[in-house]
Protein backbone atom coordinates (compact mmCIF):
# COMPACT_ATOMS: atom_id res chain seq x y z
CA LEU A 1 -0.02 0.00 0.00
CA VAL A 2 1.01 3.60 -0.47
CA ALA A 3 2.58 5.27 2.48
CA CYS A 4 0.06 7.93 3.44
CA CYS A 5 1.36 11.45 2.79
CA HIS A 6 4.65 10.29 1.21
CA LYS A 7 4.47 12.36 -1.92
CA ASP A 8 6.88 10.42 -4.06
CA ASN A 9 5.00 7.17 -3.46
CA GLN A 10 1.63 8.91 -3.99
CA SER A 11 2.88 10.42 -7.23
CA ALA A 12 4.30 7.14 -8.42
CA ALA A 13 1.04 5.30 -7.57
CA ALA A 14 -1.02 7.83 -9.50
CA ALA A 15 1.34 7.73 -12.47
CA ALA A 16 1.01 3.98 -12.55
CA GLY A 17 -2.79 4.29 -12.85
CA ALA A 18 -3.77 3.50 -9.30
CA ILE A 19 -6.53 6.14 -9.07
CA PRO A 20 -8.74 4.72 -11.81
CA LEU A 21 -7.98 1.21 -10.69
CA MET A 22 -9.03 1.90 -7.12
CA LEU A 23 -12.22 3.49 -8.36
CA GLN A 24 -12.88 0.43 -10.48
CA LEU A 25 -12.25 -1.90 -7.49
CA THR A 26 -14.76 0.03 -5.38
CA LYS A 27 -17.42 -1.47 -7.65
CA SER A 28 -16.40 -5.05 -6.80
CA SER A 29 -18.92 -7.49 -5.28
CA ASP A 30 -16.28 -8.30 -2.63
CA ALA A 31 -16.91 -5.95 0.28
CA THR A 32 -13.34 -6.39 1.71
CA LEU A 33 -11.83 -5.41 -1.65
CA GLN A 34 -14.14 -2.39 -1.84
CA ARG A 35 -13.06 -1.22 1.65
CA GLN A 36 -9.39 -1.68 0.83
CA ALA A 37 -9.73 0.18 -2.48
CA VAL A 38 -11.42 3.13 -0.76
CA SER A 39 -8.82 3.23 1.95
CA THR A 40 -6.00 3.09 -0.62
CA LEU A 41 -7.61 5.88 -2.60
CA GLY A 42 -7.66 7.96 0.54
CA ASP A 43 -3.94 7.27 1.08
CA ILE A 44 -3.13 8.28 -2.51
CA VAL A 45 -4.91 11.65 -2.26
CA ALA A 46 -4.04 12.57 1.36
CA GLY A 47 -2.22 15.92 1.23
CA HIS A 48 -1.45 15.55 -2.49
CA GLU A 49 -3.10 18.33 -4.54
CA ASP A 50 -2.44 16.82 -7.94
CA ASN A 51 -3.84 13.51 -6.90
CA LYS A 52 -6.92 15.17 -5.41
CA CYS A 53 -7.55 16.80 -8.78
CA ALA A 54 -6.93 13.55 -10.65
CA ALA A 55 -9.27 11.58 -8.42
CA ALA A 56 -12.03 14.17 -8.75
CA ALA A 57 -11.58 14.21 -12.51
CA ALA A 58 -11.81 10.41 -12.54
CA GLY A 59 -15.19 10.51 -10.75
CA ALA A 60 -14.22 9.83 -7.17
CA LEU A 61 -16.55 12.35 -5.61
CA PRO A 62 -19.92 10.91 -6.79
CA LEU A 63 -18.61 7.38 -6.33
CA LEU A 64 -17.65 8.04 -2.71
CA MET A 65 -20.96 9.84 -2.11
CA GLN A 66 -22.69 6.64 -3.30
CA LEU A 67 -20.58 4.40 -1.08
CA ILE A 68 -21.47 6.46 1.97
CA LYS A 69 -24.95 5.08 1.50
CA SER A 70 -23.76 1.47 1.57
CA SER A 71 -25.36 -1.00 4.03
CA ASP A 72 -21.79 -1.97 5.07
CA ALA A 73 -20.91 0.30 8.03
CA GLU A 74 -17.12 -0.21 7.56
CA LEU A 75 -17.36 0.75 3.91
CA GLN A 76 -19.38 3.82 4.86
CA ARG A 77 -16.65 4.79 7.35
CA GLU A 78 -13.88 4.28 4.78
CA ALA A 79 -15.84 6.30 2.14
CA VAL A 80 -16.40 9.20 4.57
CA GLU A 81 -12.71 9.24 5.50
CA ALA A 82 -11.57 9.13 1.83
CA LEU A 83 -14.08 11.84 0.91
CA GLY A 84 -12.77 14.00 3.70
CA LEU A 85 -9.17 13.52 2.51
CA LEU A 86 -10.28 14.38 -1.04
CA VAL A 87 -11.90 17.66 -0.08
CA VAL A 88 -9.73 18.93 2.77
CA GLY A 89 -7.89 22.07 1.66
CA HIS A 90 -9.25 21.79 -1.88
CA PHE A 91 -11.91 24.42 -2.61
CA ASP A 92 -12.95 23.00 -5.97
CA ASN A 93 -13.47 19.49 -4.53
CA GLN A 94 -15.34 20.98 -1.56
CA SER A 95 -17.67 22.86 -3.88
CA ALA A 96 -18.22 19.79 -6.07
CA ALA A 97 -18.95 17.59 -3.06
CA ALA A 98 -21.40 20.22 -1.65
CA ALA A 99 -23.16 20.38 -5.06
CA ALA A 100 -23.48 16.57 -4.98
CA GLY A 101 -25.19 16.75 -1.56
CA TRP A 102 -22.24 16.11 0.77
CA PRO A 103 -23.53 16.82 4.28
CA GLY A 104 -20.16 18.07 5.47
CA ARG A 105 -19.20 21.72 6.07
CA GLN A 106 -19.91 23.94 3.15
CA PRO A 107 -16.90 25.68 1.60
CA LYS A 108 -16.30 29.28 2.38
CA GLU A 109 -15.61 31.73 -0.41
CA ARG A 110 -12.16 31.36 -1.95
CA PHE A 111 -9.68 33.75 -0.37
CA GLN A 112 -8.69 36.56 -2.70
CA PRO A 113 -5.37 38.19 -1.86
CA LEU A 114 -5.20 41.99 -1.96
């Protein structure tokens, strides 16, 4: 697995196609595999702006929003955590998640320097 917040590993994982692969694996019928894929996606995007953008562009936000509604409580928890990592500190992802119905804190206006 990717070392959380180790930017070189996160970048290498994304370059190798891990983001779309993890999104694909979240659609598995194997609940354990779904949970691991969501957790790994969270590790890949944690603190990594480029990977947050790539995951959002690949459709991670609506997919995670859907997984939050799962009947599997552990999968729900993993999806909430990954969604939080995807939106924290990223205004565009926060706005997209809010527009998709995310019940988390709504983004404040983007800071405009003087």
